[in-house]
Amino acid sequence: MASWMLVEDEEDIRNIVKVMFQVWGYQVIEFSNGHDAVKFIEDVDAGRYEGELPELLLSDIRMPGPNGNEIAHRIRQSEKLKEIPVILMTAFQLSESEQSAFRTNDGVNRIIFKPLPDFDKFNQMIMEVVNGTYKPPF
């Protein structure tokens, strides 16, 4: 079973998304803050993690410790994880230039705005990134 990585500091949102991932057939590697997520990436790179590597990162942007775009940037530096799709989510408005900077500087593939869409739409938005069919609007 494939694994997806989830980083979200709000427990309710993390639990809802975790259940969605599981219903869609994915194991979840979850973290409640950026520090633990970055430590996991470091463990993967150092060969200290022996589990299945995640095939996707979904992370909140604003949270304690390194934020979502910093985690994305760290993923892109990882020899073992640098190719996985990265999706960020946020409840805050971002300008087109901010969104573009996340894509250009941090390797973010997509940004999803909260409140999160319904189950089917959320799945579609993620799968477009996984399948390589998502095209940013600008």
Protein backbone atom coordinates (compact mmCIF):
# COMPACT_ATOMS: atom_id res chain seq x y z
CA MET A 1 0.00 0.00 0.00
CA ALA A 2 1.39 3.39 -0.98
CA SER A 3 2.06 6.02 1.69
CA TRP A 4 1.29 9.72 1.74
CA MET A 5 2.84 12.22 4.15
CA LEU A 6 0.52 14.61 6.00
CA VAL A 7 1.68 17.61 8.05
CA GLU A 8 -1.08 19.59 9.78
CA ASP A 9 -1.07 21.21 13.22
CA GLU A 10 -4.86 21.36 13.60
CA GLU A 11 -5.82 17.95 14.95
CA ASP A 12 -9.39 17.96 13.58
CA ILE A 13 -8.23 18.72 10.04
CA ARG A 14 -5.37 16.24 10.30
CA ASN A 15 -7.76 13.48 11.42
CA ILE A 16 -10.29 14.21 8.66
CA VAL A 17 -7.62 14.22 5.95
CA LYS A 18 -6.02 11.10 7.42
CA VAL A 19 -9.33 9.23 7.18
CA MET A 20 -9.79 10.43 3.59
CA PHE A 21 -6.33 9.18 2.64
CA GLN A 22 -7.07 5.82 4.26
CA VAL A 23 -10.43 5.50 2.47
CA TRP A 24 -8.61 6.20 -0.80
CA GLY A 25 -6.25 3.32 -0.01
CA TYR A 26 -3.14 5.09 1.28
CA GLN A 27 -1.17 4.63 4.47
CA VAL A 28 -0.55 7.92 6.27
CA ILE A 29 2.72 9.17 7.69
CA GLU A 30 1.45 12.05 9.82
CA PHE A 31 3.03 14.90 11.71
CA SER A 32 1.51 17.68 13.81
CA ASN A 33 4.32 20.19 13.27
CA GLY A 34 7.12 21.12 10.92
CA HIS A 35 9.93 20.06 13.26
CA ASP A 36 8.86 16.43 13.28
CA ALA A 37 8.32 16.45 9.51
CA VAL A 38 11.83 17.81 8.86
CA LYS A 39 13.30 15.26 11.30
CA PHE A 40 11.53 12.52 9.34
CA ILE A 41 13.04 13.81 6.07
CA GLU A 42 16.48 13.86 7.72
CA ASP A 43 15.95 10.29 8.98
CA VAL A 44 14.98 9.17 5.47
CA ASP A 45 18.07 10.79 3.98
CA ALA A 46 20.34 9.28 6.65
CA GLY A 47 18.90 5.80 6.13
CA ARG A 48 17.36 5.68 9.62
CA TYR A 49 13.82 5.18 8.29
CA GLU A 50 13.07 1.68 7.08
CA GLY A 51 9.38 2.01 6.22
CA GLU A 52 7.78 2.69 2.88
CA LEU A 53 8.68 6.13 1.56
CA PRO A 54 5.83 8.57 1.01
CA GLU A 55 4.73 9.20 -2.56
CA LEU A 56 3.11 12.58 -1.80
CA LEU A 57 3.38 15.41 0.73
CA LEU A 58 0.29 17.36 1.82
CA SER A 59 1.15 20.07 4.33
CA ASP A 60 -0.44 23.06 5.96
CA ILE A 61 1.50 26.25 5.31
CA ARG A 62 1.29 28.04 8.67
CA MET A 63 2.09 25.94 11.73
CA PRO A 64 4.63 25.64 14.54
CA GLY A 65 8.21 25.05 13.50
CA PRO A 66 9.19 25.07 9.87
CA ASN A 67 6.16 26.02 7.80
CA GLY A 68 4.79 24.11 4.84
CA ASN A 69 6.83 25.81 2.15
CA GLU A 70 10.01 25.25 4.21
CA ILE A 71 9.13 21.56 4.44
CA ALA A 72 8.52 21.53 0.68
CA HIS A 73 11.91 23.17 0.12
CA ARG A 74 13.55 20.53 2.34
CA ILE A 75 11.79 17.72 0.42
CA ARG A 76 13.24 19.09 -2.83
CA GLN A 77 16.74 18.85 -1.30
CA SER A 78 16.24 15.20 -0.33
CA GLU A 79 17.83 12.65 -2.64
CA LYS A 80 15.18 10.08 -1.72
CA LEU A 81 12.08 12.30 -1.70
CA LYS A 82 12.79 15.16 -4.11
CA GLU A 83 10.53 13.82 -6.87
CA ILE A 84 7.33 13.39 -4.85
CA PRO A 85 4.41 15.76 -5.51
CA VAL A 86 4.01 18.51 -2.92
CA ILE A 87 0.66 20.11 -2.13
CA LEU A 88 0.23 22.88 0.42
CA MET A 89 -3.01 23.94 2.06
CA THR A 90 -3.88 27.17 3.79
CA ALA A 91 -6.79 29.12 5.25
CA PHE A 92 -5.11 32.40 4.29
CA GLN A 93 -5.37 34.29 1.04
CA LEU A 94 -2.22 34.26 -1.07
CA SER A 95 -1.50 36.61 -3.94
CA GLU A 96 -0.62 35.20 -7.33
CA SER A 97 2.99 36.26 -6.76
CA GLU A 98 3.11 34.46 -3.38
CA GLN A 99 1.70 31.29 -4.94
CA SER A 100 4.13 31.55 -7.83
CA ALA A 101 7.04 32.00 -5.39
CA PHE A 102 6.04 28.82 -3.54
CA ARG A 103 6.10 26.93 -6.84
CA THR A 104 9.36 28.45 -8.08
CA ASN A 105 11.37 28.67 -4.84
CA ASP A 106 10.07 25.66 -2.91
CA GLY A 107 8.92 23.21 -5.57
CA VAL A 108 5.26 23.26 -4.57
CA ASN A 109 2.99 21.60 -7.14
CA ARG A 110 -0.36 22.92 -5.93
CA ILE A 111 -1.97 25.02 -3.21
CA ILE A 112 -5.41 24.09 -1.89
CA PHE A 113 -7.37 26.66 0.08
CA LYS A 114 -9.30 25.90 3.25
CA PRO A 115 -12.01 25.18 4.00
CA LEU A 116 -11.16 21.99 2.17
CA PRO A 117 -13.48 20.94 -0.65
CA ASP A 118 -15.80 17.96 -0.40
CA PHE A 119 -14.47 14.41 -0.42
CA ASP A 120 -14.67 13.81 -4.19
CA LYS A 121 -13.38 17.24 -5.23
CA PHE A 122 -10.48 17.00 -2.76
CA ASN A 123 -9.56 13.59 -4.18
CA GLN A 124 -9.73 14.97 -7.72
CA MET A 125 -7.50 17.94 -6.83
CA ILE A 126 -4.86 15.67 -5.28
CA MET A 127 -5.00 13.05 -8.04
CA GLU A 128 -4.50 15.73 -10.71
CA VAL A 129 -1.15 16.47 -9.08
CA VAL A 130 -0.27 12.80 -8.57
CA ASN A 131 -1.13 12.01 -12.21
CA GLY A 132 0.68 15.07 -13.56
CA THR A 133 -2.42 16.61 -15.15
CA TYR A 134 -2.69 19.68 -12.90
CA LYS A 135 -1.73 22.99 -14.51
CA PRO A 136 -1.41 26.07 -12.28
CA PRO A 137 -3.85 28.86 -13.23
CA PHE A 138 -1.03 31.40 -13.67
